[in-house]
Amino acid sequence: MVFVLVALVVLALLASVHRYVWRRFVGDTTAPGSTLRKVGTVAAFVLPLLSLGAMTSGRIGAPFWLQQVLAWPGFLWLACLLYLTLALLVGEAVRPLLGRVLARRDAAAAARTAAGTGTSVPAAEGAVAATASGTRPRTEELVPAGQPRPATPADRTPATAPPAETEAEAEPEAVRDAEAAAQAETEAKAAAAAPGIAHPSRRLFVSRVVGGAAAAAGLATVGYGTHNVLSGPSVKRVTVPLAKLPRAAHGFRIAVVSDIHIGPILGRAHTRRIVDTINSTSPDLVAVVGDLVDGSVADLGSAAEPLAGLRSRHGSFFVTGNHEYFSGAEQWVNHVRELGLIPLENARVELGGFDLAGVNDIAGETEGQGPDFGRALGDRDRSRAAVLLAHQPVVIHDAVEHGVDLQLSGHTHGGQLWPGNYLAELANPTVAGLERYGDTQLFVSRGAGAWGPPVRVGAPADITVVELASRQA
C-alpha cells in the first residue's frame, strides 16, 4: 500500500513537472495549431514514456536489445528534465525583470523619436499641448484663389461664437481624442523599435528569450555531464595513515573502484577503459566495491570480460552491491570468480601487513545473504590493522564496533547529478572522500560509472588509489 502511494505521488510530480516544462517551452512560445506546438506536444507525451520504459524494462525482463533502445533517450531525458526545470525556475526570477527593462526601453525609444521630429509634431500631440497651455490649436486650410476663406473661430463675431458653456463642455472630449491619437502613435513607434520580430507581444518576446536561454543552459549542462561519463574516470590518490599498520606495509596501494554499472548504456568499452586506467596505476591490490552491473550474466557477461585483464601484486577482490541483487547476485559472484576476481562474501583474508575483509551488501538481507560482520571479523586478531570492503557507507557503525581501521565504500556516486549530493547527504554518513568515525576511517568513492542517465554533474567519476601509511614509518 505504501509503495503504491509513493508511486502515485512520484507520477503526479512527474506529470506536473512535464506540464510546467511544456507550458514554458511550447505553450508560451508557439502559436496555437502551429507545427512547432504540435511537435512539442507530441514530445511532451513520448519522452516521459521512453523514460518510464528505460527504468522498468530491465525489471520486467524485456529483451536486452529493447532495453538498449530505450535506455539512451529515456535516461537522457530524465537528466534533461532536471536541468531544464532548474533553468526555467531561474528564468522565473529573470522574466519580470526583463519585461520591465523592455518596457522602459520602448518608452525611451518612443520619447526620443518624438523629440527628434522637430516641427513635425503630430496634430494630436499639438492639440494636447495647446489645450494644456490654455489656448486652442490654430487650423489653416488652403483654398482656391478667388474664393472666400472659411470663417475661423477668430473671425466669428460674438453673436456667432458658440456659448461659453458649450465650448467648455466640448473641450474635454477633444482632449480625450487627442490623447488617444497620441497613445496610438506611441504604441506604433514602440512596435517599430523592435526589428526582427514578427510583431509578437512583449510577453511572447520575453517567453522566447527566457525559454531559449533555459534550453541552452540545460542542454549544455547535460552534454557536459555526458562527456564526463563517456570519457572515463580520472585517477585520484589519497594517503591514509593506520596506527596498526607495520612498517613493512608502508606505502601499500589499493586501487578502489566502485559503481561501474555495466548495463544497456555502458558496455564492454566502458569496462575496458576502467581496466586500463587501473592497470596504469600499478596497484598492489584492486578492490571492486559493488554495483558492478545492471543486468544479468546472460546479457552482460561478455561486457564484463575485460575485468580478467586486471593486474596487481596481490590480486583483485570483489564485494556485492545492491544492484547485483536486482539481477542475480549469486550468478555474478560465480562469474567474477571465473574472471579471476576473488569474491569476499562475509569473508576475510590475511595479507602480509593487514587483514582484508568484505561483507555482502545490505540489499542481500531480503535473500538471507546480508552482511555478517561476525563471520567476517569476529575471530580476528585485533592487534592487526583491518581494511573492510563494504558497498554502502551506512554500515560504518558496525565497522567501528568490530574494530575496523579503514572501510572502503561506494554507492553514493557523490550525488552524480547536482543537486543530488544534498539528497545523498540525507541518506549516507559520508557522500565522498575520507572521514573519521571514532578510531575507524571511512573512504567513499564517487564511482567509475553512472546509474540511469549516463551523466555526471558536480561529481566526476573516479578511481582512487588509496595508499596506506604506517605511523611507525
Protein backbone atom coordinates (compact mmCIF):
# COMPACT_ATOMS: atom_id res chain seq x y z
CA MET A 1 0.00 0.00 0.00
CA VAL A 2 2.79 2.41 0.92
CA PHE A 3 4.64 1.58 -2.30
CA VAL A 4 1.51 2.33 -4.34
CA LEU A 5 1.04 5.69 -2.63
CA VAL A 6 4.68 6.63 -3.18
CA ALA A 7 4.42 5.60 -6.83
CA LEU A 8 1.31 7.73 -7.30
CA VAL A 9 2.99 10.74 -5.68
CA VAL A 10 6.04 10.34 -7.92
CA LEU A 11 3.89 10.01 -11.05
CA ALA A 12 1.85 13.08 -10.08
CA LEU A 13 5.05 15.05 -9.52
CA LEU A 14 6.50 14.00 -12.87
CA ALA A 15 3.25 14.89 -14.62
CA SER A 16 3.24 18.34 -13.01
CA VAL A 17 6.87 18.97 -13.96
CA HIS A 18 6.26 17.88 -17.56
CA ARG A 19 3.20 20.14 -17.73
CA TYR A 20 5.25 23.09 -16.47
CA VAL A 21 8.08 22.42 -18.93
CA TRP A 22 5.62 22.10 -21.82
CA ARG A 23 3.89 25.37 -20.92
CA ARG A 24 7.11 27.36 -20.71
CA PHE A 25 8.86 25.86 -23.73
CA VAL A 26 5.87 25.22 -26.01
CA GLY A 27 2.65 26.80 -24.79
CA ASP A 28 4.13 30.24 -24.10
CA THR A 29 6.36 30.44 -27.19
CA THR A 30 4.35 28.95 -30.08
CA ALA A 31 1.09 29.80 -31.81
CA PRO A 32 -1.93 27.52 -31.32
CA GLY A 33 -2.15 24.99 -34.14
CA SER A 34 1.38 25.65 -35.37
CA THR A 35 3.73 22.84 -36.38
CA LEU A 36 6.12 23.65 -33.55
CA ARG A 37 3.37 23.40 -30.97
CA LYS A 38 2.22 20.06 -32.37
CA VAL A 39 5.76 18.67 -32.31
CA GLY A 40 6.37 19.96 -28.76
CA THR A 41 3.11 18.47 -27.52
CA VAL A 42 3.90 15.06 -29.01
CA ALA A 43 7.36 15.16 -27.42
CA ALA A 44 5.81 16.02 -24.04
CA PHE A 45 3.98 12.68 -24.15
CA VAL A 46 6.57 10.47 -25.87
CA LEU A 47 9.66 11.42 -23.84
CA PRO A 48 8.25 10.54 -20.38
CA LEU A 49 7.00 7.24 -21.80
CA LEU A 50 10.53 6.47 -23.02
CA SER A 51 11.88 7.30 -19.56
CA LEU A 52 9.35 5.02 -17.90
CA GLY A 53 10.29 2.25 -20.32
CA ALA A 54 14.01 2.72 -19.66
CA MET A 55 13.50 2.44 -15.90
CA THR A 56 11.22 -0.61 -15.98
CA SER A 57 12.30 -2.68 -19.00
CA GLY A 58 15.13 -4.43 -17.17
CA ARG A 59 12.98 -5.21 -14.12
CA ILE A 60 10.20 -6.78 -16.17
CA GLY A 61 12.60 -8.94 -18.22
CA ALA A 62 12.30 -7.15 -21.56
CA PRO A 63 14.71 -8.29 -24.31
CA PHE A 64 18.13 -6.73 -23.87
CA TRP A 65 18.03 -5.11 -27.31
CA LEU A 66 14.84 -3.29 -26.27
CA GLN A 67 16.50 -2.16 -23.05
CA GLN A 68 19.33 -0.69 -25.11
CA VAL A 69 16.93 1.07 -27.48
CA LEU A 70 15.01 2.67 -24.60
CA ALA A 71 17.98 3.44 -22.35
CA TRP A 72 19.70 6.27 -24.20
CA PRO A 73 16.71 8.55 -24.96
CA GLY A 74 14.79 7.56 -21.83
CA PHE A 75 17.53 8.12 -19.28
CA LEU A 76 18.98 11.16 -21.05
CA TRP A 77 15.56 12.81 -20.98
CA LEU A 78 15.46 12.44 -17.19
CA ALA A 79 18.72 14.40 -16.93
CA CYS A 80 17.45 16.98 -19.43
CA LEU A 81 14.20 17.33 -17.50
CA LEU A 82 16.11 18.04 -14.29
CA TYR A 83 18.33 20.77 -15.70
CA LEU A 84 15.71 22.30 -17.98
CA THR A 85 13.40 22.64 -14.98
CA LEU A 86 16.14 24.20 -12.84
CA ALA A 87 16.98 26.64 -15.64
CA LEU A 88 13.31 27.58 -16.04
CA LEU A 89 12.98 28.22 -12.31
CA VAL A 90 15.91 30.63 -12.52
CA GLY A 91 14.17 32.18 -15.52
CA GLU A 92 11.08 32.87 -13.40
CA ALA A 93 13.13 35.43 -11.48
CA VAL A 94 14.54 36.93 -14.69
CA ARG A 95 11.21 37.08 -16.54
CA PRO A 96 9.65 40.13 -14.74
CA LEU A 97 12.96 42.00 -14.74
CA LEU A 98 13.36 41.54 -18.49
CA GLY A 99 9.77 42.67 -19.03
CA ARG A 100 10.37 45.90 -17.13
CA VAL A 101 13.63 46.56 -18.98
CA LEU A 102 11.90 46.14 -22.34
CA ALA A 103 9.01 48.37 -21.29
CA ARG A 104 11.40 51.15 -20.27
CA ARG A 105 13.41 50.71 -23.47
CA ASP A 106 10.29 51.04 -25.63
CA ALA A 107 9.12 54.11 -23.74
CA ALA A 108 12.53 55.75 -24.05
CA ALA A 109 12.71 54.95 -27.77
CA ALA A 110 9.27 56.47 -28.34
CA ALA A 111 10.24 59.62 -26.44
CA ARG A 112 13.47 60.02 -28.44
CA THR A 113 11.59 59.58 -31.72
CA ALA A 114 9.03 62.21 -30.78
CA ALA A 115 11.72 64.68 -29.68
CA GLY A 116 13.69 64.23 -32.89
CA THR A 117 10.79 65.12 -35.22
CA GLY A 118 11.16 68.83 -34.51
CA THR A 119 8.31 70.77 -36.21
CA SER A 120 6.61 67.65 -37.49
CA VAL A 121 4.79 67.06 -34.24
CA PRO A 122 1.58 65.11 -34.82
CA ALA A 123 -1.56 67.20 -34.76
CA ALA A 124 -2.98 65.15 -31.96
CA GLU A 125 0.06 65.84 -29.75
CA GLY A 126 -0.14 69.54 -30.66
CA ALA A 127 -3.77 69.56 -29.61
CA VAL A 128 -2.88 68.11 -26.24
CA ALA A 129 -0.08 70.64 -25.72
CA ALA A 130 -2.24 73.56 -26.79
CA THR A 131 -5.07 72.53 -24.54
CA ALA A 132 -2.71 72.17 -21.61
CA SER A 133 -1.45 75.74 -22.15
CA GLY A 134 -4.99 77.17 -22.23
CA THR A 135 -5.09 78.02 -26.00
CA ARG A 136 -6.80 76.40 -28.94
CA PRO A 137 -4.76 74.92 -31.79
CA ARG A 138 -4.73 77.01 -34.97
CA THR A 139 -6.06 75.36 -38.09
CA GLU A 140 -5.36 76.76 -41.58
CA GLU A 141 -6.67 75.42 -44.85
CA LEU A 142 -5.59 76.15 -48.42
CA VAL A 143 -8.45 77.42 -50.61
CA PRO A 144 -8.57 78.16 -54.31
CA ALA A 145 -7.82 81.69 -55.42
CA GLY A 146 -10.82 83.96 -55.77
CA GLN A 147 -12.93 82.07 -53.23
CA PRO A 148 -13.62 83.35 -49.74
CA ARG A 149 -11.67 81.77 -46.87
CA PRO A 150 -13.92 79.85 -44.45
CA ALA A 151 -14.59 81.57 -41.22
CA THR A 152 -12.40 80.64 -38.31
CA PRO A 153 -13.12 80.95 -34.58
CA ALA A 154 -11.07 84.16 -34.59
CA ASP A 155 -13.28 85.71 -37.34
CA ARG A 156 -16.51 84.95 -35.55
CA THR A 157 -18.41 87.78 -34.02
CA PRO A 158 -19.61 87.49 -30.50
CA ALA A 159 -23.04 86.83 -31.92
CA THR A 160 -21.84 83.80 -33.96
CA ALA A 161 -19.39 82.40 -31.39
CA PRO A 162 -20.63 79.34 -29.53
CA PRO A 163 -21.76 79.91 -25.97
CA ALA A 164 -19.02 79.58 -23.35
CA GLU A 165 -20.84 76.70 -21.69
CA THR A 166 -20.99 74.69 -24.95
CA GLU A 167 -17.26 75.23 -25.68
CA ALA A 168 -16.28 74.19 -22.16
CA GLU A 169 -18.29 71.02 -22.47
CA ALA A 170 -16.69 70.17 -25.84
CA GLU A 171 -13.11 70.75 -24.70
CA PRO A 172 -12.66 67.57 -22.56
CA GLU A 173 -13.85 65.42 -25.45
CA ALA A 174 -11.27 66.99 -27.76
CA VAL A 175 -8.55 66.35 -25.19
CA ARG A 176 -9.54 62.73 -24.92
CA ASP A 177 -9.47 62.28 -28.68
CA ALA A 178 -6.05 63.90 -28.88
CA GLU A 179 -4.66 61.71 -26.08
CA ALA A 180 -5.99 58.56 -27.75
CA ALA A 181 -4.35 59.51 -31.04
CA ALA A 182 -1.06 60.25 -29.31
CA GLN A 183 -1.16 56.93 -27.45
CA ALA A 184 -1.82 55.01 -30.67
CA GLU A 185 1.12 56.68 -32.36
CA THR A 186 3.41 55.94 -29.39
CA GLU A 187 2.49 52.24 -29.48
CA ALA A 188 3.16 52.09 -33.21
CA LYS A 189 6.61 53.61 -32.67
CA ALA A 190 7.36 51.12 -29.89
CA ALA A 191 6.46 48.22 -32.17
CA ALA A 192 8.69 49.61 -34.91
CA ALA A 193 11.57 49.90 -32.41
CA ALA A 194 11.86 46.05 -32.18
CA PRO A 195 13.08 44.94 -35.62
CA GLY A 196 13.36 41.26 -36.49
CA ILE A 197 10.29 40.20 -34.51
CA ALA A 198 7.12 39.45 -36.41
CA HIS A 199 5.01 41.69 -34.26
CA PRO A 200 4.91 39.48 -31.13
CA SER A 201 3.72 40.91 -27.88
CA ARG A 202 6.29 41.82 -25.28
CA ARG A 203 5.18 38.80 -23.23
CA LEU A 204 5.80 36.46 -26.15
CA PHE A 205 9.21 38.00 -26.74
CA VAL A 206 10.18 37.56 -23.08
CA SER A 207 8.94 33.94 -23.09
CA ARG A 208 11.04 33.13 -26.13
CA VAL A 209 14.17 34.76 -24.75
CA VAL A 210 13.88 33.08 -21.34
CA GLY A 211 12.89 29.73 -22.86
CA GLY A 212 15.78 29.80 -25.33
CA ALA A 213 18.30 30.67 -22.64
CA ALA A 214 16.94 27.95 -20.34
CA ALA A 215 17.09 25.35 -23.13
CA ALA A 216 20.67 26.30 -23.97
CA ALA A 217 21.79 26.16 -20.33
CA GLY A 218 20.01 22.90 -19.55
CA LEU A 219 21.12 21.01 -22.65
CA ALA A 220 24.69 22.29 -22.37
CA THR A 221 24.84 21.02 -18.79
CA VAL A 222 23.62 17.57 -19.83
CA GLY A 223 26.12 17.48 -22.70
CA TYR A 224 28.95 18.35 -20.34
CA GLY A 225 27.85 15.69 -17.85
CA THR A 226 27.56 13.03 -20.56
CA HIS A 227 31.10 13.78 -21.73
CA ASN A 228 32.30 13.32 -18.15
CA VAL A 229 30.97 9.76 -18.12
CA LEU A 230 31.91 8.66 -21.63
CA SER A 231 35.47 9.97 -21.32
CA GLY A 232 36.09 7.56 -18.43
CA PRO A 233 37.06 8.04 -14.78
CA SER A 234 40.04 10.02 -13.62
CA VAL A 235 42.59 8.79 -11.05
CA LYS A 236 42.64 10.22 -7.54
CA ARG A 237 45.18 9.47 -4.85
CA VAL A 238 44.76 9.64 -1.10
CA THR A 239 47.08 8.65 1.72
CA VAL A 240 45.53 7.04 4.81
CA PRO A 241 47.69 6.57 7.92
CA LEU A 242 46.86 3.49 10.01
CA ALA A 243 48.18 3.20 13.56
CA LYS A 244 48.43 -0.61 13.48
CA LEU A 245 49.98 -0.92 10.03
CA PRO A 246 53.51 -2.34 10.26
CA ARG A 247 56.46 -0.59 8.71
CA ALA A 248 56.77 -3.35 6.11
CA ALA A 249 53.34 -2.48 4.69
CA HIS A 250 54.00 1.26 4.46
CA GLY A 251 53.03 2.54 1.03
CA PHE A 252 50.71 -0.36 0.17
CA ARG A 253 48.46 0.83 -2.67
CA ILE A 254 44.83 -0.26 -3.13
CA ALA A 255 43.04 0.74 -6.34
CA VAL A 256 39.43 1.31 -5.25
CA VAL A 257 36.75 1.20 -7.95
CA SER A 258 33.02 1.14 -7.29
CA ASP A 259 29.73 1.58 -9.15
CA ILE A 260 30.98 0.62 -12.60
CA HIS A 261 27.36 -0.07 -13.65
CA ILE A 262 27.91 -2.12 -16.77
CA GLY A 263 24.50 -2.15 -18.46
CA PRO A 264 22.45 -1.24 -21.53
CA ILE A 265 24.37 2.04 -21.96
CA LEU A 266 27.84 1.44 -20.53
CA GLY A 267 29.18 -1.78 -22.01
CA ARG A 268 32.41 -3.54 -22.87
CA ALA A 269 34.28 -0.40 -23.98
CA HIS A 270 33.45 1.21 -20.64
CA THR A 271 34.85 -1.81 -18.79
CA ARG A 272 37.99 -1.76 -20.91
CA ARG A 273 38.65 1.91 -20.12
CA ILE A 274 38.36 1.22 -16.41
CA VAL A 275 40.68 -1.80 -16.54
CA ASP A 276 43.29 0.14 -18.49
CA THR A 277 43.09 3.03 -16.03
CA ILE A 278 43.51 0.74 -13.02
CA ASN A 279 46.44 -1.11 -14.57
CA SER A 280 48.17 2.18 -15.34
CA THR A 281 48.44 2.86 -11.58
CA SER A 282 50.32 -0.44 -10.92
CA PRO A 283 48.43 -1.16 -7.68
CA ASP A 284 49.29 -3.74 -5.07
CA LEU A 285 45.64 -4.75 -4.81
CA VAL A 286 42.37 -3.99 -6.62
CA ALA A 287 39.11 -3.58 -4.67
CA VAL A 288 35.86 -3.66 -6.69
CA VAL A 289 33.37 -2.34 -4.15
CA GLY A 290 29.95 -3.31 -5.53
CA ASP A 291 27.41 -2.24 -8.17
CA LEU A 292 29.42 -3.78 -10.95
CA VAL A 293 26.42 -4.41 -13.23
CA ASP A 294 22.83 -3.52 -14.10
CA GLY A 295 21.60 -6.70 -15.69
CA SER A 296 22.02 -10.44 -15.91
CA VAL A 297 25.09 -12.51 -16.69
CA ALA A 298 23.37 -13.70 -19.86
CA ASP A 299 23.10 -10.13 -21.16
CA LEU A 300 26.23 -8.56 -19.72
CA GLY A 301 28.71 -11.39 -19.14
CA SER A 302 30.70 -10.53 -22.26
CA ALA A 303 30.75 -6.82 -21.34
CA ALA A 304 32.40 -7.73 -18.01
CA GLU A 305 35.09 -9.95 -19.57
CA PRO A 306 37.79 -7.21 -19.71
CA LEU A 307 37.93 -7.49 -15.88
CA ALA A 308 40.02 -10.62 -16.46
CA GLY A 309 42.79 -8.26 -17.53
CA LEU A 310 43.18 -6.57 -14.12
CA ARG A 311 46.77 -6.73 -12.88
CA SER A 312 48.06 -6.26 -9.32
CA ARG A 313 50.59 -7.88 -6.94
CA HIS A 314 48.05 -9.32 -4.51
CA GLY A 315 45.03 -9.88 -6.74
CA SER A 316 41.60 -8.32 -7.29
CA PHE A 317 38.76 -8.61 -4.75
CA PHE A 318 35.03 -8.10 -5.13
CA VAL A 319 32.05 -7.49 -2.84
CA THR A 320 28.42 -7.23 -3.89
CA GLY A 321 26.43 -4.01 -4.16
CA ASN A 322 22.69 -3.54 -4.06
CA HIS A 323 22.36 -3.68 -7.87
CA GLU A 324 23.83 -7.17 -8.04
CA TYR A 325 20.78 -8.41 -6.11
CA PHE A 326 18.44 -6.92 -8.74
CA SER A 327 19.73 -9.34 -11.37
CA GLY A 328 21.12 -12.40 -9.59
CA ALA A 329 23.99 -11.82 -7.17
CA GLU A 330 24.97 -15.47 -6.96
CA GLN A 331 25.41 -15.71 -10.73
CA TRP A 332 27.61 -12.63 -10.74
CA VAL A 333 29.72 -13.86 -7.82
CA ASN A 334 30.41 -17.04 -9.78
CA HIS A 335 31.12 -15.12 -12.98
CA VAL A 336 33.63 -12.69 -11.48
CA ARG A 337 35.38 -15.68 -9.87
CA GLU A 338 35.73 -17.15 -13.37
CA LEU A 339 37.24 -13.83 -14.49
CA GLY A 340 39.93 -14.08 -11.82
CA LEU A 341 38.48 -11.83 -9.11
CA ILE A 342 38.19 -13.10 -5.52
CA PRO A 343 34.71 -12.58 -4.03
CA LEU A 344 34.66 -11.77 -0.31
CA GLU A 345 31.24 -12.96 0.83
CA ASN A 346 31.35 -12.10 4.54
CA ALA A 347 34.93 -13.35 4.49
CA ARG A 348 38.46 -12.27 5.31
CA VAL A 349 41.96 -12.87 4.00
CA GLU A 350 45.22 -12.18 5.84
CA LEU A 351 47.78 -10.27 3.84
CA GLY A 352 51.34 -9.51 4.88
CA GLY A 353 50.61 -6.32 6.78
CA PHE A 354 46.84 -6.27 7.46
CA ASP A 355 43.57 -8.17 7.28
CA LEU A 356 41.34 -7.56 4.26
CA ALA A 357 37.65 -8.34 4.89
CA GLY A 358 34.50 -7.98 2.82
CA VAL A 359 30.78 -8.12 3.61
CA ASN A 360 27.75 -8.58 1.39
CA ASP A 361 25.55 -5.59 0.69
CA ILE A 362 22.58 -4.97 2.95
CA ALA A 363 20.26 -5.49 -0.05
CA GLY A 364 21.09 -9.18 0.28
CA GLU A 365 19.12 -9.36 3.54
CA THR A 366 15.93 -9.97 1.53
CA GLU A 367 17.55 -13.19 0.26
CA GLY A 368 19.17 -14.20 3.52
CA GLN A 369 22.56 -13.10 2.21
CA GLY A 370 23.07 -9.80 4.01
CA PRO A 371 26.24 -8.58 5.73
CA ASP A 372 27.62 -10.77 8.53
CA PHE A 373 30.28 -8.82 10.41
CA GLY A 374 30.75 -11.53 12.99
CA ARG A 375 31.65 -14.06 10.34
CA ALA A 376 33.96 -11.67 8.51
CA LEU A 377 35.66 -10.05 11.51
CA GLY A 378 34.59 -11.75 14.72
CA ASP A 379 37.54 -14.05 15.37
CA ARG A 380 40.41 -11.98 14.02
CA ASP A 381 43.47 -10.68 15.87
CA ARG A 382 42.60 -7.05 16.70
CA SER A 383 46.24 -6.15 17.07
CA ARG A 384 46.47 -6.28 13.29
CA ALA A 385 45.16 -3.49 11.06
CA ALA A 386 41.90 -4.30 9.27
CA VAL A 387 40.59 -2.92 5.97
CA LEU A 388 36.93 -3.62 5.17
CA LEU A 389 35.24 -3.62 1.76
CA ALA A 390 31.54 -2.73 2.12
CA HIS A 391 29.46 -1.22 -0.65
CA GLN A 392 27.28 1.14 1.39
CA PRO A 393 28.75 3.71 3.81
CA VAL A 394 25.83 3.27 6.23
CA VAL A 395 27.45 0.15 7.76
CA ILE A 396 30.26 2.27 9.20
CA HIS A 397 28.88 1.91 12.73
CA ASP A 398 29.16 -1.89 12.51
CA ALA A 399 32.72 -1.45 11.26
CA VAL A 400 33.54 0.76 14.27
CA GLU A 401 32.07 -1.83 16.62
CA HIS A 402 34.26 -4.58 15.11
CA GLY A 403 37.49 -2.58 15.30
CA VAL A 404 37.96 -1.88 11.60
CA ASP A 405 40.69 0.64 10.85
CA LEU A 406 39.58 1.60 7.34
CA GLN A 407 36.33 0.98 5.46
CA LEU A 408 36.26 1.35 1.65
CA SER A 409 32.81 2.04 0.15
CA GLY A 410 30.96 3.47 -2.84
CA HIS A 411 27.20 3.54 -3.57
CA THR A 412 26.64 7.31 -3.36
CA HIS A 413 28.13 8.33 -6.76
CA GLY A 414 28.97 11.57 -4.96
CA GLY A 415 25.39 12.59 -5.77
CA GLN A 416 26.06 12.09 -9.54
CA LEU A 417 23.72 14.90 -10.62
CA TRP A 418 23.92 18.18 -8.74
CA PRO A 419 21.99 19.00 -6.55
CA GLY A 420 21.62 15.27 -5.87
CA ASN A 421 24.56 15.44 -3.48
CA TYR A 422 22.30 17.18 -0.95
CA LEU A 423 19.85 14.29 -1.12
CA ALA A 424 22.70 11.79 -0.83
CA GLU A 425 23.83 13.52 2.37
CA LEU A 426 20.46 12.75 3.95
CA ALA A 427 20.88 9.01 3.41
CA ASN A 428 24.62 8.50 3.90
CA PRO A 429 27.08 9.43 6.66
CA THR A 430 29.69 10.38 4.04
CA VAL A 431 28.95 11.16 0.38
CA ALA A 432 32.51 11.25 -0.94
CA GLY A 433 36.04 11.38 0.37
CA LEU A 434 37.72 10.43 3.66
CA GLU A 435 36.23 10.97 7.12
CA ARG A 436 36.88 9.57 10.58
CA TYR A 437 34.36 7.86 12.86
CA GLY A 438 35.99 7.17 16.20
CA ASP A 439 39.04 5.00 15.55
CA THR A 440 37.72 3.99 12.12
CA GLN A 441 38.28 5.90 8.90
CA LEU A 442 35.76 5.75 6.06
CA PHE A 443 36.63 6.42 2.43
CA VAL A 444 33.77 6.73 -0.08
CA SER A 445 34.46 6.64 -3.81
CA ARG A 446 32.30 8.61 -6.26
CA GLY A 447 32.32 5.58 -8.55
CA ALA A 448 33.56 4.95 -12.06
CA GLY A 449 30.26 4.76 -13.95
CA ALA A 450 26.74 6.10 -13.71
CA TRP A 451 23.32 4.72 -12.94
CA GLY A 452 20.35 5.80 -15.02
CA PRO A 453 21.34 8.85 -17.06
CA PRO A 454 24.95 8.49 -18.29
CA VAL A 455 25.51 11.98 -16.93
CA ARG A 456 27.62 13.35 -14.07
CA VAL A 457 27.43 16.97 -12.96
CA GLY A 458 29.39 18.15 -9.95
CA ALA A 459 30.53 14.59 -9.13
CA PRO A 460 33.17 13.41 -11.61
CA ALA A 461 33.80 9.69 -11.95
CA ASP A 462 36.99 8.43 -10.34
CA ILE A 463 39.20 5.51 -9.47
CA THR A 464 41.07 6.16 -6.24
CA VAL A 465 44.46 4.80 -5.31
CA VAL A 466 44.43 4.56 -1.50
CA GLU A 467 47.97 4.44 -0.15
CA LEU A 468 48.27 3.02 3.34
CA ALA A 469 50.81 4.71 5.59
CA SER A 470 52.42 3.23 8.67
CA ARG A 471 52.82 5.64 11.55
CA GLN A 472 55.80 3.60 12.59
CA ALA A 473 57.47 4.75 9.38
